[in-house]
Amino acid sequence: MACTGEQVLKLVIHCGLHKTATTSFQRLCAENRALLRGLGIHYPAFGAENQHSLILHEAQRDGMAVLGSYFARARAEAGAECSTVLISGEDFENCIADVALACDVETLALGAGFSSVTWAVVTRPLHESLGSLYAELSKHGVVLDRQTIQRAAEERGCFHVTTARFNHVFILDFPRFAARFRRNLTGDVAEFGLDAFVAGYPGRVLLKDLLTEDAHLQFERLAVITATRQNPRLGSRQVEANYLATALGLGIFRHAALRPLIGPFIWLRMRKARRTPNRSGAA
């Protein structure tokens, strides 16, 4: 897949959505970085991380020039043998709601020498995403009310969360944003449903689009593919124990042995969460 003459190098940004097998896909790409590079896809490293969310977080904190420098470095690392640079990070999901940020990202990518930008988005039904996110965010130092975030998701298609570590817009209804997102971009949007994205292994459908047929067959023959599910969903009692521990400022209550001390409060939160209605009819 070597290029001749002026190199045509495209940037693919896998921007989530959250809880759509992103962690598993990122591990797959990181563990097979050398193989992908040999097949024409450069999956650049970012410190010890398997993914690239923190580079956008740093850019939003310290200035977008940080992201421009990273893009330029990734393009240089790709060399003449690569046709694609692939990055994956759920923080880029913010770009779906903030099209000005998305345009800034594209401008920086094109300025770094990429010929085009493609955004890869993986979606799932709103009520499924909401349940998974509600469980996941219990680990991250916030206290959320299930009814409040569900109302926000149904009315606006997203909800906002700010912690000491991040400020994020979680998209749960991509179709509500899709037309505006596409209209303001110079690049393309590749959209996949979760079932299609995880079929075979996480990201197979995306890699098949990015690789030639022969290269894809070679990848599947040689790749290290971990079958273990990454970042599994917590049980309901642990989720509510986490939220209560955060609210009380007492992380010790996250441990199972001490949960009986706040058992009635866990039960009340679980009861309230189970009574939360939604338009799909799912609990």
Protein backbone atom coordinates (compact mmCIF):
# COMPACT_ATOMS: atom_id res chain seq x y z
CA MET A 1 0.00 0.00 0.00
CA ALA A 2 2.96 2.32 -0.56
CA CYS A 3 2.20 5.70 -2.05
CA THR A 4 3.87 7.23 -5.07
CA GLY A 5 4.30 10.93 -5.82
CA GLU A 6 2.52 13.21 -3.37
CA GLN A 7 1.32 11.08 -0.49
CA VAL A 8 -2.42 10.83 0.00
CA LEU A 9 -2.86 10.17 3.70
CA LYS A 10 -6.29 10.19 5.26
CA LEU A 11 -7.14 10.58 8.94
CA VAL A 12 -9.88 8.42 10.46
CA ILE A 13 -11.23 9.54 13.84
CA HIS A 14 -13.19 6.83 15.68
CA CYS A 15 -15.10 9.06 18.12
CA GLY A 16 -17.24 6.57 20.04
CA LEU A 17 -20.00 6.67 21.02
CA HIS A 18 -19.37 5.67 24.61
CA LYS A 19 -20.20 2.09 25.61
CA THR A 20 -20.08 0.75 22.06
CA ALA A 21 -17.11 -1.64 22.45
CA THR A 22 -14.65 1.24 22.12
CA THR A 23 -12.27 -0.10 24.79
CA SER A 24 -12.15 -3.51 23.12
CA PHE A 25 -11.50 -1.96 19.70
CA GLN A 26 -8.78 0.28 21.09
CA ARG A 27 -7.04 -2.68 22.70
CA LEU A 28 -7.26 -4.60 19.43
CA CYS A 29 -5.59 -1.75 17.54
CA ALA A 30 -2.92 -1.20 20.18
CA GLU A 31 -2.02 -4.88 20.44
CA ASN A 32 -1.78 -5.13 16.66
CA ARG A 33 -0.14 -1.76 16.00
CA ALA A 34 2.84 -3.21 14.12
CA LEU A 35 0.66 -5.50 12.01
CA LEU A 36 -1.71 -2.67 11.08
CA ARG A 37 1.23 -0.48 10.13
CA GLY A 38 2.56 -3.17 7.83
CA LEU A 39 -0.85 -3.25 6.16
CA GLY A 40 -1.04 0.53 5.65
CA ILE A 41 -2.76 1.81 8.81
CA HIS A 42 -0.81 3.79 11.40
CA TYR A 43 -2.40 3.66 14.88
CA PRO A 44 -0.22 6.15 16.74
CA ALA A 45 0.72 5.74 20.38
CA PHE A 46 -0.25 8.28 23.02
CA GLY A 47 1.79 7.67 26.14
CA ALA A 48 0.82 4.41 27.82
CA GLU A 49 -2.79 4.68 26.66
CA ASN A 50 -4.40 2.35 24.13
CA GLN A 51 -6.50 5.28 22.90
CA HIS A 52 -6.43 9.01 22.14
CA SER A 53 -9.09 10.71 24.27
CA LEU A 54 -6.60 12.57 26.42
CA ILE A 55 -5.06 14.41 23.48
CA LEU A 56 -8.34 16.25 22.88
CA HIS A 57 -8.70 16.84 26.61
CA GLU A 58 -5.21 18.40 26.64
CA ALA A 59 -6.01 20.47 23.55
CA GLN A 60 -9.18 21.87 25.09
CA ARG A 61 -7.27 22.69 28.29
CA ASP A 62 -3.98 23.98 26.87
CA GLY A 63 -4.95 25.18 23.38
CA MET A 64 -5.74 23.48 20.09
CA ALA A 65 -2.14 23.82 18.89
CA VAL A 66 -1.46 20.75 21.06
CA LEU A 67 -3.72 18.69 18.81
CA GLY A 68 -2.22 20.19 15.65
CA SER A 69 1.25 19.17 16.80
CA TYR A 70 0.05 15.65 17.55
CA PHE A 71 -1.53 15.34 14.10
CA ALA A 72 1.69 16.56 12.45
CA ARG A 73 3.73 14.03 14.42
CA ALA A 74 1.34 11.18 13.58
CA ARG A 75 1.48 12.09 9.89
CA ALA A 76 5.27 12.08 9.94
CA GLU A 77 5.35 8.74 11.76
CA ALA A 78 3.03 7.18 9.19
CA GLY A 79 5.72 7.44 6.53
CA ALA A 80 5.28 6.64 2.88
CA GLU A 81 4.07 3.08 3.47
CA CYS A 82 0.79 4.10 5.14
CA SER A 83 -2.37 5.42 3.55
CA THR A 84 -4.37 5.91 6.75
CA VAL A 85 -3.82 7.24 10.25
CA LEU A 86 -6.44 5.89 12.66
CA ILE A 87 -7.11 7.41 16.07
CA SER A 88 -9.76 6.35 18.54
CA GLY A 89 -11.02 8.27 21.55
CA GLU A 90 -14.43 8.84 23.05
CA ASP A 91 -13.57 12.42 24.03
CA PHE A 92 -13.92 13.23 20.31
CA GLU A 93 -17.63 12.53 20.84
CA ASN A 94 -17.80 16.13 22.07
CA CYS A 95 -17.34 17.17 18.44
CA ILE A 96 -20.76 15.76 17.53
CA ALA A 97 -22.52 18.29 19.75
CA ASP A 98 -19.93 21.04 19.28
CA VAL A 99 -19.55 21.43 15.52
CA ALA A 100 -17.20 24.40 15.96
CA LEU A 101 -14.82 22.04 17.77
CA ALA A 102 -15.25 19.47 15.00
CA CYS A 103 -14.36 22.09 12.39
CA ASP A 104 -11.28 23.08 14.39
CA VAL A 105 -10.18 19.44 14.52
CA GLU A 106 -10.59 19.07 10.76
CA THR A 107 -8.77 22.34 10.06
CA LEU A 108 -5.83 21.18 12.17
CA ALA A 109 -5.77 17.79 10.45
CA LEU A 110 -5.78 19.28 6.98
CA GLY A 111 -3.18 21.82 8.06
CA ALA A 112 -0.96 18.97 9.25
CA GLY A 113 -1.04 17.52 5.75
CA PHE A 114 -3.83 14.98 5.80
CA SER A 115 -5.77 14.79 2.55
CA SER A 116 -9.13 14.07 4.21
CA VAL A 117 -10.83 13.31 7.51
CA THR A 118 -13.39 10.57 8.14
CA TRP A 119 -15.35 10.36 11.38
CA ALA A 120 -16.39 6.85 12.47
CA VAL A 121 -19.40 6.73 14.80
CA VAL A 122 -20.88 3.63 16.45
CA THR A 123 -24.43 3.91 17.78
CA ARG A 124 -26.84 1.89 19.90
CA PRO A 125 -30.43 2.44 21.09
CA LEU A 126 -30.81 5.30 23.56
CA HIS A 127 -32.11 3.24 26.50
CA GLU A 128 -29.25 0.74 26.16
CA SER A 129 -26.62 3.48 26.05
CA LEU A 130 -28.17 5.26 29.00
CA GLY A 131 -28.11 2.16 31.21
CA SER A 132 -24.49 1.37 30.37
CA LEU A 133 -23.34 4.97 30.85
CA TYR A 134 -25.20 5.28 34.15
CA ALA A 135 -23.30 2.23 35.41
CA GLU A 136 -19.95 3.32 33.97
CA LEU A 137 -20.05 6.87 35.31
CA SER A 138 -20.55 5.62 38.86
CA LYS A 139 -16.78 4.90 38.80
CA HIS A 140 -15.80 8.47 37.96
CA GLY A 141 -16.53 10.69 40.93
CA VAL A 142 -19.96 11.99 39.99
CA VAL A 143 -23.41 11.57 41.50
CA LEU A 144 -26.13 11.19 38.89
CA ASP A 145 -29.88 10.83 39.11
CA ARG A 146 -31.19 8.33 36.58
CA GLN A 147 -34.45 10.18 36.00
CA THR A 148 -32.69 13.50 35.40
CA ILE A 149 -30.20 12.21 32.85
CA GLN A 150 -32.86 10.16 31.08
CA ARG A 151 -35.06 13.23 30.72
CA ALA A 152 -32.10 15.18 29.35
CA ALA A 153 -31.27 12.39 26.92
CA GLU A 154 -34.83 12.12 25.64
CA GLU A 155 -35.39 15.87 25.35
CA ARG A 156 -31.99 16.85 23.95
CA GLY A 157 -30.38 13.60 22.80
CA CYS A 158 -27.43 14.07 25.14
CA PHE A 159 -26.42 14.95 28.66
CA HIS A 160 -23.44 16.84 30.11
CA VAL A 161 -21.16 15.72 32.93
CA THR A 162 -18.34 17.69 34.55
CA THR A 163 -15.84 16.24 37.01
CA ALA A 164 -12.38 17.18 38.22
CA ARG A 165 -10.99 15.09 35.35
CA PHE A 166 -13.24 15.81 32.37
CA ASN A 167 -16.05 17.91 30.90
CA HIS A 168 -18.02 15.77 28.49
CA VAL A 169 -21.13 15.73 26.35
CA PHE A 170 -22.48 12.19 26.10
CA ILE A 171 -24.42 11.62 22.89
CA LEU A 172 -27.22 9.06 23.16
CA ASP A 173 -29.35 9.91 20.13
CA PHE A 174 -26.93 10.40 17.23
CA PRO A 175 -29.65 10.81 14.55
CA ARG A 176 -30.71 14.02 16.29
CA PHE A 177 -27.24 15.49 15.63
CA ALA A 178 -26.28 13.67 12.45
CA ALA A 179 -27.57 16.10 9.80
CA ARG A 180 -25.97 19.17 11.40
CA PHE A 181 -22.74 17.27 12.08
CA ARG A 182 -22.44 16.14 8.45
CA ARG A 183 -23.46 19.54 7.06
CA ASN A 184 -20.67 21.38 8.89
CA LEU A 185 -17.84 18.94 8.10
CA THR A 186 -15.50 18.81 5.16
CA GLY A 187 -15.01 15.07 5.68
CA ASP A 188 -17.24 12.02 5.66
CA VAL A 189 -19.10 10.28 8.49
CA ALA A 190 -19.10 6.49 8.62
CA GLU A 191 -21.90 5.29 10.89
CA PHE A 192 -22.21 1.74 12.25
CA GLY A 193 -24.75 0.15 14.55
CA LEU A 194 -23.31 -1.64 17.57
CA ASP A 195 -24.36 -5.11 16.38
CA ALA A 196 -22.56 -4.60 13.08
CA PHE A 197 -19.51 -3.10 14.77
CA VAL A 198 -18.94 -6.04 17.13
CA ALA A 199 -19.79 -8.80 14.65
CA GLY A 200 -16.79 -11.13 14.41
CA TYR A 201 -14.73 -8.93 16.72
CA PRO A 202 -14.95 -5.24 17.71
CA GLY A 203 -14.20 -2.97 14.78
CA ARG A 204 -14.06 -5.66 12.10
CA VAL A 205 -16.45 -3.77 9.83
CA LEU A 206 -14.41 -0.56 10.14
CA LEU A 207 -11.06 -2.24 9.48
CA LYS A 208 -12.59 -4.04 6.51
CA ASP A 209 -13.52 -0.64 5.07
CA LEU A 210 -10.02 0.74 5.63
CA LEU A 211 -7.96 -2.22 4.36
CA THR A 212 -7.77 -3.81 0.94
CA GLU A 213 -9.38 -7.24 0.71
CA ASP A 214 -6.00 -9.01 0.77
CA ALA A 215 -4.75 -6.88 3.65
CA HIS A 216 -7.89 -7.58 5.66
CA LEU A 217 -7.53 -11.32 5.16
CA GLN A 218 -3.92 -11.06 6.29
CA PHE A 219 -4.94 -9.07 9.37
CA GLU A 220 -7.49 -11.69 10.37
CA ARG A 221 -4.96 -14.45 9.89
CA LEU A 222 -2.21 -12.83 11.96
CA ALA A 223 -3.90 -10.50 14.45
CA VAL A 224 -4.00 -11.01 18.20
CA ILE A 225 -7.70 -10.84 18.99
CA THR A 226 -8.63 -10.91 22.68
CA ALA A 227 -11.95 -12.59 23.28
CA THR A 228 -12.35 -11.25 26.84
CA ARG A 229 -14.85 -8.45 27.04
CA GLN A 230 -13.21 -5.19 28.10
CA ASN A 231 -14.69 -2.86 30.74
CA PRO A 232 -17.77 -5.00 31.60
CA ARG A 233 -20.84 -3.37 33.12
CA LEU A 234 -21.11 -3.26 36.91
CA GLY A 235 -24.02 -4.81 38.78
CA SER A 236 -26.82 -2.55 40.02
CA ARG A 237 -25.89 -2.76 43.71
CA GLN A 238 -22.28 -1.83 43.02
CA VAL A 239 -23.38 1.07 40.82
CA GLU A 240 -25.56 2.55 43.55
CA ALA A 241 -22.91 1.87 46.21
CA ASN A 242 -20.44 3.82 44.07
CA TYR A 243 -22.78 6.79 43.73
CA LEU A 244 -23.52 6.82 47.46
CA ALA A 245 -19.82 6.53 48.32
CA THR A 246 -19.12 9.56 46.13
CA ALA A 247 -22.02 11.53 47.62
CA LEU A 248 -20.80 10.79 51.15
CA GLY A 249 -17.16 11.36 50.30
CA LEU A 250 -16.39 7.91 51.67
CA GLY A 251 -14.82 5.64 49.07
CA ILE A 252 -14.69 2.75 51.56
CA PHE A 253 -18.37 2.05 50.88
CA ARG A 254 -17.45 0.92 47.39
CA HIS A 255 -16.18 -2.33 48.94
CA ALA A 256 -18.69 -5.17 49.18
CA ALA A 257 -17.93 -5.91 52.85
CA LEU A 258 -19.10 -2.45 53.93
CA ARG A 259 -22.13 -2.14 51.66
CA PRO A 260 -24.55 -3.42 54.36
CA LEU A 261 -23.89 -0.21 56.31
CA ILE A 262 -25.63 1.79 53.58
CA GLY A 263 -27.87 -1.05 52.38
CA PRO A 264 -31.20 0.82 52.83
CA PHE A 265 -29.90 3.79 50.82
CA ILE A 266 -28.66 1.50 48.06
CA TRP A 267 -32.11 -0.11 47.95
CA LEU A 268 -33.79 3.30 47.68
CA ARG A 269 -31.55 4.38 44.79
CA MET A 270 -32.08 1.04 42.99
CA ARG A 271 -35.83 1.34 43.48
CA LYS A 272 -35.84 4.85 42.05
CA ALA A 273 -33.69 3.80 39.08
CA ARG A 274 -35.96 0.84 38.30
CA ARG A 275 -39.03 3.09 38.32
CA THR A 276 -37.51 5.44 35.74
CA PRO A 277 -39.78 5.34 32.65
CA ASN A 278 -38.51 5.54 29.11
CA ARG A 279 -40.14 5.83 25.72
CA SER A 280 -38.85 2.48 24.53
CA GLY A 281 -40.54 0.66 27.39
CA ALA A 282 -37.25 -0.76 28.63
CA ALA A 283 -36.34 -0.55 32.31
